Amino acid sequence: MKELKQIQWPEYFHPKNAPVHVRNEKIVPTDCEQVWSWIVRAPCWPNWQHRKTQVQIVKGDSSELHKGQCLTG
């Protein structure tokens, strides 16, 4: 299994500068392209991210995220 890289935080967002820090990780046995294909399908997020229940793309194509699009949820 590959070793996970540490997050390179911009100083402003570094956990040491936040009153609370939460980090979630999940290792999946597949390639980056397959994972990315699920991440860009924002309306499908509730299928695997149960805290996201009402995700909608409000600008542009309503099925996948692309540069410049907006979403709610």
N, C-alpha and C. Protein backbone atom coordinates (compact mmCIF):
# COMPACT_ATOMS: atom_id res chain seq x y z
N MET A 1 0.85 -1.18 0.00
CA MET A 1 0.00 0.00 0.00
C MET A 1 0.89 1.24 0.00
N LYS A 2 0.47 2.25 -0.75
CA LYS A 2 1.25 3.48 -0.83
C LYS A 2 1.17 4.27 0.46
N GLU A 3 2.27 4.94 0.78
CA GLU A 3 2.27 5.82 1.95
C GLU A 3 1.52 7.10 1.59
N LEU A 4 0.66 7.55 2.49
CA LEU A 4 -0.11 8.77 2.25
C LEU A 4 0.78 10.00 2.46
N LYS A 5 0.64 10.98 1.58
CA LYS A 5 1.39 12.22 1.71
C LYS A 5 0.70 13.12 2.73
N GLN A 6 1.48 13.91 3.41
CA GLN A 6 0.92 14.89 4.32
C GLN A 6 0.29 16.03 3.53
N ILE A 7 -0.76 16.61 4.06
CA ILE A 7 -1.41 17.74 3.40
C ILE A 7 -0.51 18.96 3.52
N GLN A 8 -0.34 19.67 2.42
CA GLN A 8 0.43 20.92 2.41
C GLN A 8 -0.56 22.07 2.55
N TRP A 9 -0.84 22.46 3.77
CA TRP A 9 -1.84 23.48 4.05
C TRP A 9 -1.32 24.88 3.74
N PRO A 10 -2.13 25.73 3.10
CA PRO A 10 -1.80 27.16 3.06
C PRO A 10 -1.80 27.65 4.51
N GLU A 11 -0.91 28.53 4.85
CA GLU A 11 -0.75 28.96 6.24
C GLU A 11 -2.07 29.41 6.88
N TYR A 12 -2.88 30.14 6.14
CA TYR A 12 -4.14 30.64 6.68
C TYR A 12 -5.08 29.50 7.10
N PHE A 13 -5.06 28.38 6.36
CA PHE A 13 -5.96 27.26 6.65
C PHE A 13 -5.30 26.16 7.48
N HIS A 14 -4.06 26.33 7.89
CA HIS A 14 -3.35 25.29 8.64
C HIS A 14 -4.10 24.96 9.93
N PRO A 15 -4.21 23.68 10.28
CA PRO A 15 -4.95 23.29 11.49
C PRO A 15 -4.48 23.99 12.76
N LYS A 16 -3.22 24.36 12.83
CA LYS A 16 -2.74 25.05 14.04
C LYS A 16 -3.39 26.43 14.19
N ASN A 17 -3.97 26.97 13.11
CA ASN A 17 -4.63 28.27 13.15
C ASN A 17 -6.15 28.16 13.26
N ALA A 18 -6.65 26.96 13.47
CA ALA A 18 -8.10 26.75 13.55
C ALA A 18 -8.49 26.30 14.95
N PRO A 19 -9.63 26.75 15.45
CA PRO A 19 -10.07 26.30 16.78
C PRO A 19 -10.46 24.82 16.79
N VAL A 20 -10.87 24.30 15.62
CA VAL A 20 -11.26 22.89 15.49
C VAL A 20 -10.71 22.38 14.16
N HIS A 21 -10.21 21.16 14.15
CA HIS A 21 -9.70 20.56 12.91
C HIS A 21 -10.23 19.14 12.80
N VAL A 22 -10.82 18.82 11.66
CA VAL A 22 -11.33 17.48 11.40
C VAL A 22 -10.76 17.03 10.07
N ARG A 23 -10.37 15.78 10.00
CA ARG A 23 -9.83 15.23 8.76
C ARG A 23 -10.41 13.85 8.55
N ASN A 24 -10.96 13.62 7.38
CA ASN A 24 -11.51 12.31 7.03
C ASN A 24 -10.70 11.73 5.89
N GLU A 25 -10.41 10.47 5.99
CA GLU A 25 -9.69 9.76 4.92
C GLU A 25 -10.38 8.43 4.66
N LYS A 26 -10.29 8.01 3.44
CA LYS A 26 -10.76 6.68 3.09
C LYS A 26 -9.84 6.16 1.99
N ILE A 27 -9.28 5.01 2.20
CA ILE A 27 -8.42 4.38 1.21
C ILE A 27 -9.29 3.43 0.40
N VAL A 28 -9.28 3.62 -0.92
CA VAL A 28 -10.07 2.78 -1.80
C VAL A 28 -9.14 2.07 -2.78
N PRO A 29 -9.41 0.82 -3.05
CA PRO A 29 -8.54 0.03 -3.92
C PRO A 29 -8.82 0.26 -5.40
N THR A 30 -8.58 1.48 -5.88
CA THR A 30 -8.79 1.79 -7.28
C THR A 30 -7.88 2.94 -7.69
N ASP A 31 -7.91 3.31 -8.95
CA ASP A 31 -7.03 4.37 -9.42
C ASP A 31 -7.68 5.75 -9.25
N CYS A 32 -6.87 6.79 -9.37
CA CYS A 32 -7.33 8.17 -9.18
C CYS A 32 -8.42 8.56 -10.16
N GLU A 33 -8.33 8.11 -11.39
CA GLU A 33 -9.33 8.46 -12.39
C GLU A 33 -10.72 7.96 -11.99
N GLN A 34 -10.79 6.77 -11.46
CA GLN A 34 -12.07 6.21 -11.02
C GLN A 34 -12.63 7.00 -9.84
N VAL A 35 -11.79 7.35 -8.89
CA VAL A 35 -12.24 8.16 -7.75
C VAL A 35 -12.72 9.52 -8.23
N TRP A 36 -11.95 10.16 -9.10
CA TRP A 36 -12.32 11.49 -9.60
C TRP A 36 -13.66 11.44 -10.33
N SER A 37 -13.93 10.36 -11.08
CA SER A 37 -15.19 10.27 -11.80
C SER A 37 -16.39 10.27 -10.85
N TRP A 38 -16.21 9.82 -9.61
CA TRP A 38 -17.28 9.89 -8.62
C TRP A 38 -17.32 11.25 -7.93
N ILE A 39 -16.19 11.85 -7.70
CA ILE A 39 -16.17 13.15 -7.02
C ILE A 39 -16.87 14.21 -7.86
N VAL A 40 -16.68 14.22 -9.16
CA VAL A 40 -17.30 15.25 -10.01
C VAL A 40 -18.81 15.06 -10.18
N ARG A 41 -19.33 13.92 -9.81
CA ARG A 41 -20.78 13.68 -9.88
C ARG A 41 -21.45 14.12 -8.58
N ALA A 42 -21.44 15.43 -8.34
CA ALA A 42 -21.95 15.98 -7.07
C ALA A 42 -23.36 15.54 -6.72
N PRO A 43 -24.31 15.47 -7.66
CA PRO A 43 -25.66 15.03 -7.28
C PRO A 43 -25.69 13.60 -6.71
N CYS A 44 -24.64 12.80 -6.96
CA CYS A 44 -24.58 11.43 -6.44
C CYS A 44 -23.93 11.35 -5.06
N TRP A 45 -23.38 12.45 -4.56
CA TRP A 45 -22.68 12.42 -3.27
C TRP A 45 -23.50 11.79 -2.15
N PRO A 46 -24.81 12.04 -2.03
CA PRO A 46 -25.55 11.43 -0.93
C PRO A 46 -25.51 9.89 -0.93
N ASN A 47 -25.20 9.28 -2.07
CA ASN A 47 -25.10 7.82 -2.14
C ASN A 47 -23.92 7.28 -1.33
N TRP A 48 -22.87 8.10 -1.14
CA TRP A 48 -21.69 7.62 -0.42
C TRP A 48 -21.23 8.59 0.66
N GLN A 49 -21.74 9.81 0.68
CA GLN A 49 -21.43 10.79 1.72
C GLN A 49 -22.77 11.18 2.35
N HIS A 50 -23.17 10.44 3.36
CA HIS A 50 -24.53 10.53 3.88
C HIS A 50 -24.85 11.86 4.55
N ARG A 51 -23.86 12.67 4.88
CA ARG A 51 -24.14 13.99 5.45
C ARG A 51 -24.49 15.01 4.38
N LYS A 52 -24.25 14.68 3.14
CA LYS A 52 -24.61 15.55 2.01
C LYS A 52 -25.91 15.03 1.43
N THR A 53 -27.01 15.68 1.78
CA THR A 53 -28.31 15.14 1.39
C THR A 53 -28.99 15.91 0.27
N GLN A 54 -28.61 17.15 0.03
CA GLN A 54 -29.30 17.95 -0.98
C GLN A 54 -28.30 18.70 -1.86
N VAL A 55 -27.44 17.99 -2.53
CA VAL A 55 -26.43 18.61 -3.39
C VAL A 55 -27.03 18.88 -4.76
N GLN A 56 -26.89 20.11 -5.21
CA GLN A 56 -27.38 20.48 -6.54
C GLN A 56 -26.35 21.36 -7.22
N ILE A 57 -26.14 21.11 -8.50
CA ILE A 57 -25.32 22.00 -9.31
C ILE A 57 -26.24 23.10 -9.81
N VAL A 58 -25.93 24.36 -9.49
CA VAL A 58 -26.86 25.45 -9.79
C VAL A 58 -26.44 26.28 -11.00
N LYS A 59 -25.29 26.00 -11.55
CA LYS A 59 -24.83 26.74 -12.72
C LYS A 59 -24.19 25.75 -13.68
N GLY A 60 -24.71 25.64 -14.89
CA GLY A 60 -24.12 24.74 -15.88
C GLY A 60 -24.75 23.36 -15.87
N ASP A 61 -24.02 22.40 -16.41
CA ASP A 61 -24.47 21.01 -16.51
C ASP A 61 -24.88 20.51 -15.14
N SER A 62 -26.00 19.83 -15.04
CA SER A 62 -26.50 19.39 -13.74
C SER A 62 -26.05 17.99 -13.33
N SER A 63 -25.19 17.35 -14.11
CA SER A 63 -24.80 15.98 -13.76
C SER A 63 -23.35 15.87 -13.26
N GLU A 64 -22.44 16.72 -13.75
CA GLU A 64 -21.04 16.65 -13.32
C GLU A 64 -20.48 18.04 -13.11
N LEU A 65 -19.57 18.15 -12.13
CA LEU A 65 -18.90 19.42 -11.88
C LEU A 65 -17.82 19.67 -12.92
N HIS A 66 -17.73 20.92 -13.32
CA HIS A 66 -16.68 21.37 -14.24
C HIS A 66 -16.16 22.71 -13.73
N LYS A 67 -15.04 23.13 -14.19
CA LYS A 67 -14.46 24.41 -13.78
C LYS A 67 -15.46 25.54 -13.99
N GLY A 68 -15.63 26.35 -12.96
CA GLY A 68 -16.51 27.50 -13.05
C GLY A 68 -17.94 27.25 -12.62
N GLN A 69 -18.30 26.01 -12.29
CA GLN A 69 -19.66 25.71 -11.87
C GLN A 69 -19.84 25.97 -10.37
N CYS A 70 -21.06 26.14 -9.96
CA CYS A 70 -21.41 26.36 -8.56
C CYS A 70 -22.32 25.24 -8.10
N LEU A 71 -22.29 24.97 -6.80
CA LEU A 71 -23.19 23.97 -6.25
C LEU A 71 -23.69 24.41 -4.90
N THR A 72 -24.78 23.80 -4.45
CA THR A 72 -25.33 24.03 -3.12
C THR A 72 -25.41 22.69 -2.41
N GLY A 73 -25.56 22.74 -1.12
CA GLY A 73 -25.76 21.51 -0.37
C GLY A 73 -24.72 21.33 0.64
